[in-house]
Amino acid sequence: MKTLPFLRNFLFLTFLAASCTDHDIFQEPTQFKSDEVASGFAAPLGITHDASNNLWITEQGTGSGKTGKISVITPDGKVHPGITGFNSVISPEMAPSGLTHLTYKDGKLYILHGADGKLFIADISKFKPGTDPAIDASTLASESIGAFVLGSNFKIPKHESNLFNMTWGPEGDLYITDAAANAIVHRAADKSLTIFAEFEPYYTPTDTIDFVPTGIVYDGSKFLVTSLSGGPFIKGLATIKQVSTSGEISPYKSGFTTLVDIVLTPGNKPLVVSFAEFSFATTPPNFAPFTGQIQSDDRTVITGGLMMPTDLERTGDKTYYYVSLALSKVFKLTY
């Protein structure tokens, strides 16, 4: 009869140990330590990592010719050319434009080019950074997703497309945010395309402002999508929307400013990236330097004073990397 109390105590201690272990694994960040990893990129925007912990960075280029490229940062901190020869153009805002975000899966990079309206796919399974010559972008397979968007019917037609970011969803399908069309494109495994969701604008007392979807993640049951919000980039206007697997949009969290990306922590909690606050105190009005932030979904600031961050990538339980567009640098964040 004395065996039962012993068994109960054993099970309790086992549960307690497991709980402590889980708590350590899923400890949420409250403050980041930042270290510069690499610099000198040409208008960098997106970042992802592969199975060997190489970091792949999209560079929009100089705004002319084939100066767009993807560089690789190896674990030793060295930067190597990865894929070169992408189109680079000047945007209506008079800044370099072209490549946006990228993601990695099963030995391949999936790369978005906003200006060309294309999804490029690069097999990097055998590529050795620093040893192999850069891959020529002209050799990559591509899909004209922007053309599909422009030919689709919308409740509020914009007649524009800017493929911006993506995530893997149910059945391994790809879901792509189009920041100009205010929509999500669903690319199925057979490469067929549908408009999955369309975002309504913000209605203010004086204006109608585009949602501008940017970051997107799938948390296992729903998608979370961040909003940049269109000009004049009102402080506190941007939101996070949740989208069901059937494409139904509903509110999630509000009160943010110029959100450009979202990632999930190991505990499945969202972290969002605020690009910058827009200021009318300058001539001409522009985004204020060092006002970017990384926040939790309750708007708690994990780290602030960032210089126009554009992408955040988690590579481990307590390790993240972010891209600073304005500083042309990549930083490592730990806690």
Foldseek 3Di string as FASTA:
>chain_A
DVVVVVVVVVVVVVVVVVVVVVCVLQVDFQAWDKDFQDFDAALWFEWEADPQRKIKIWHLAAAAFFGTFIWIQHPVSDIFGAETRFGWHQDPVRGIAFWAYWYDDDQKIWTFTFVQQKTWIDRCNPPDGPPDHYHYSVPTDMDNNQVVLLPDDDPDAQSGWGFHDWEQDPPRWIWTQTQRRQFIWTQDPVRDIDTQEHDAFDDDPVDTKRQRWAAWYDLPFWIKTWGQIHPPFDQFAIAIWIAGPNGDIDGDATGHTRWHYWDAAPVRWIKIKHQAGWDPPDVNTGGDAQAIFIATRVRNTRDGRAGRWNYKYDDGNFWIKIAHSVRRTIMIIGD
